């Protein structure tokens, strides 16, 4: 872990050591859980900015964040530059 980080340099080696002790399946499970947490945070942010939107609109706005503009237009017919994120 180098470069930008919110982790104090004193704790970096401990975190890296902890990851190295994990099995591949444990690391994979952690990655999935972190991904789900990020999606939940993104959904919460969208709902805070756009209260009362439909489930479909939430899906499209989340898709725009995760996929980017070009793919969002192709997949969801949603242009985030026009419709918003």
C-alpha atoms as a PDB file:
ATOM      1  CA  UNK A   1       0.000   0.000   0.000  1.00  0.00           C
ATOM      2  CA  UNK A   2       1.871   2.994  -1.186  1.00  0.00           C
ATOM      3  CA  UNK A   3       0.854   6.338  -2.571  1.00  0.00           C
ATOM      4  CA  UNK A   4      -2.403   7.829  -1.385  1.00  0.00           C
ATOM      5  CA  UNK A   5      -3.783   6.199   1.720  1.00  0.00           C
ATOM      6  CA  UNK A   6      -5.794   7.063   4.780  1.00  0.00           C
ATOM      7  CA  UNK A   7      -3.827   4.437   6.704  1.00  0.00           C
ATOM      8  CA  UNK A   8      -1.105   5.610   9.044  1.00  0.00           C
ATOM      9  CA  UNK A   9       2.296   4.336   7.819  1.00  0.00           C
ATOM     10  CA  UNK A  10       2.856   2.620  11.168  1.00  0.00           C
ATOM     11  CA  UNK A  11      -0.121   0.310  10.537  1.00  0.00           C
ATOM     12  CA  UNK A  12       0.507  -0.466   6.858  1.00  0.00           C
ATOM     13  CA  UNK A  13       2.864  -3.415   7.516  1.00  0.00           C
ATOM     14  CA  UNK A  14       0.343  -4.935   9.940  1.00  0.00           C
ATOM     15  CA  UNK A  15      -2.454  -4.690   7.399  1.00  0.00           C
ATOM     16  CA  UNK A  16      -0.309  -6.199   4.653  1.00  0.00           C
ATOM     17  CA  UNK A  17       0.729  -9.024   6.979  1.00  0.00           C
ATOM     18  CA  UNK A  18      -2.930  -9.674   7.783  1.00  0.00           C
ATOM     19  CA  UNK A  19      -3.824  -9.899   4.089  1.00  0.00           C
ATOM     20  CA  UNK A  20      -0.928 -12.278   3.448  1.00  0.00           C
ATOM     21  CA  UNK A  21      -2.146 -14.597   6.211  1.00  0.00           C
ATOM     22  CA  UNK A  22      -5.589 -14.850   4.627  1.00  0.00           C
ATOM     23  CA  UNK A  23      -6.460 -17.667   2.281  1.00  0.00           C
ATOM     24  CA  UNK A  24      -7.434 -16.788  -1.294  1.00  0.00           C
ATOM     25  CA  UNK A  25     -11.071 -17.538  -0.491  1.00  0.00           C
ATOM     26  CA  UNK A  26     -10.949 -15.220   2.542  1.00  0.00           C
ATOM     27  CA  UNK A  27      -9.469 -12.417   0.432  1.00  0.00           C
ATOM     28  CA  UNK A  28     -12.085 -13.024  -2.261  1.00  0.00           C
ATOM     29  CA  UNK A  29     -14.895 -12.933   0.307  1.00  0.00           C
ATOM     30  CA  UNK A  30     -13.523  -9.691   1.730  1.00  0.00           C
ATOM     31  CA  UNK A  31     -13.346  -8.149  -1.748  1.00  0.00           C
ATOM     32  CA  UNK A  32     -16.978  -9.101  -2.439  1.00  0.00           C
ATOM     33  CA  UNK A  33     -18.099  -7.655   0.901  1.00  0.00           C
ATOM     34  CA  UNK A  34     -16.207  -4.420   0.254  1.00  0.00           C
ATOM     35  CA  UNK A  35     -17.715  -4.159  -3.223  1.00  0.00           C
ATOM     36  CA  UNK A  36     -21.213  -4.619  -1.803  1.00  0.00           C
ATOM     37  CA  UNK A  37     -20.525  -1.972   0.844  1.00  0.00           C
ATOM     38  CA  UNK A  38     -19.412   0.515  -1.813  1.00  0.00           C
ATOM     39  CA  UNK A  39     -22.547  -0.175  -3.880  1.00  0.00           C
ATOM     40  CA  UNK A  40     -24.702   0.378  -0.786  1.00  0.00           C
ATOM     41  CA  UNK A  41     -22.939   3.682  -0.072  1.00  0.00           C
ATOM     42  CA  UNK A  42     -23.435   4.764  -3.682  1.00  0.00           C
ATOM     43  CA  UNK A  43     -27.151   3.875  -3.521  1.00  0.00           C
ATOM     44  CA  UNK A  44     -27.523   5.817  -0.277  1.00  0.00           C
ATOM     45  CA  UNK A  45     -25.900   8.859  -1.868  1.00  0.00           C
ATOM     46  CA  UNK A  46     -28.163   8.661  -4.914  1.00  0.00           C
ATOM     47  CA  UNK A  47     -31.282   8.351  -2.763  1.00  0.00           C
ATOM     48  CA  UNK A  48     -30.169  11.278  -0.617  1.00  0.00           C
ATOM     49  CA  UNK A  49     -29.704  13.464  -3.706  1.00  0.00           C
ATOM     50  CA  UNK A  50     -32.859  12.183  -5.440  1.00  0.00           C
ATOM     51  CA  UNK A  51     -35.439  11.184  -2.819  1.00  0.00           C
ATOM     52  CA  UNK A  52     -38.496   9.362  -4.081  1.00  0.00           C
ATOM     53  CA  UNK A  53     -37.007   8.032  -7.315  1.00  0.00           C
ATOM     54  CA  UNK A  54     -38.194   4.698  -8.674  1.00  0.00           C
ATOM     55  CA  UNK A  55     -36.198   1.486  -8.339  1.00  0.00           C
ATOM     56  CA  UNK A  56     -35.546   1.619 -12.087  1.00  0.00           C
ATOM     57  CA  UNK A  57     -34.148   5.145 -11.903  1.00  0.00           C
ATOM     58  CA  UNK A  58     -31.982   4.152  -8.934  1.00  0.00           C
ATOM     59  CA  UNK A  59     -30.646   1.224 -10.974  1.00  0.00           C
ATOM     60  CA  UNK A  60     -29.879   3.490 -13.939  1.00  0.00           C
ATOM     61  CA  UNK A  61     -28.167   6.141 -11.821  1.00  0.00           C
ATOM     62  CA  UNK A  62     -26.097   3.490 -10.037  1.00  0.00           C
ATOM     63  CA  UNK A  63     -25.264   1.956 -13.404  1.00  0.00           C
ATOM     64  CA  UNK A  64     -24.042   5.321 -14.641  1.00  0.00           C
ATOM     65  CA  UNK A  65     -21.689   5.600 -11.667  1.00  0.00           C
ATOM     66  CA  UNK A  66     -20.367   2.069 -12.025  1.00  0.00           C
ATOM     67  CA  UNK A  67     -20.274   1.733 -15.812  1.00  0.00           C
ATOM     68  CA  UNK A  68     -19.375   5.218 -16.966  1.00  0.00           C
ATOM     69  CA  UNK A  69     -21.210   7.352 -19.492  1.00  0.00           C
ATOM     70  CA  UNK A  70     -20.638   5.414 -22.716  1.00  0.00           C
ATOM     71  CA  UNK A  71     -21.649   2.016 -21.348  1.00  0.00           C
ATOM     72  CA  UNK A  72     -24.524   3.531 -19.357  1.00  0.00           C
ATOM     73  CA  UNK A  73     -25.987   4.910 -22.579  1.00  0.00           C
ATOM     74  CA  UNK A  74     -25.579   1.578 -24.395  1.00  0.00           C
ATOM     75  CA  UNK A  75     -26.859  -0.651 -21.596  1.00  0.00           C
ATOM     76  CA  UNK A  76     -29.464   1.489 -19.830  1.00  0.00           C
ATOM     77  CA  UNK A  77     -30.262   4.172 -22.427  1.00  0.00           C
ATOM     78  CA  UNK A  78     -29.255   6.654 -19.690  1.00  0.00           C
ATOM     79  CA  UNK A  79     -26.932   9.557 -20.396  1.00  0.00           C
ATOM     80  CA  UNK A  80     -25.697  10.755 -17.006  1.00  0.00           C
ATOM     81  CA  UNK A  81     -24.559  14.060 -18.516  1.00  0.00           C
ATOM     82  CA  UNK A  82     -28.204  14.771 -19.419  1.00  0.00           C
ATOM     83  CA  UNK A  83     -30.077  12.847 -16.725  1.00  0.00           C
ATOM     84  CA  UNK A  84     -27.566  13.048 -13.880  1.00  0.00           C
ATOM     85  CA  UNK A  85     -25.833  10.458 -11.754  1.00  0.00           C
END
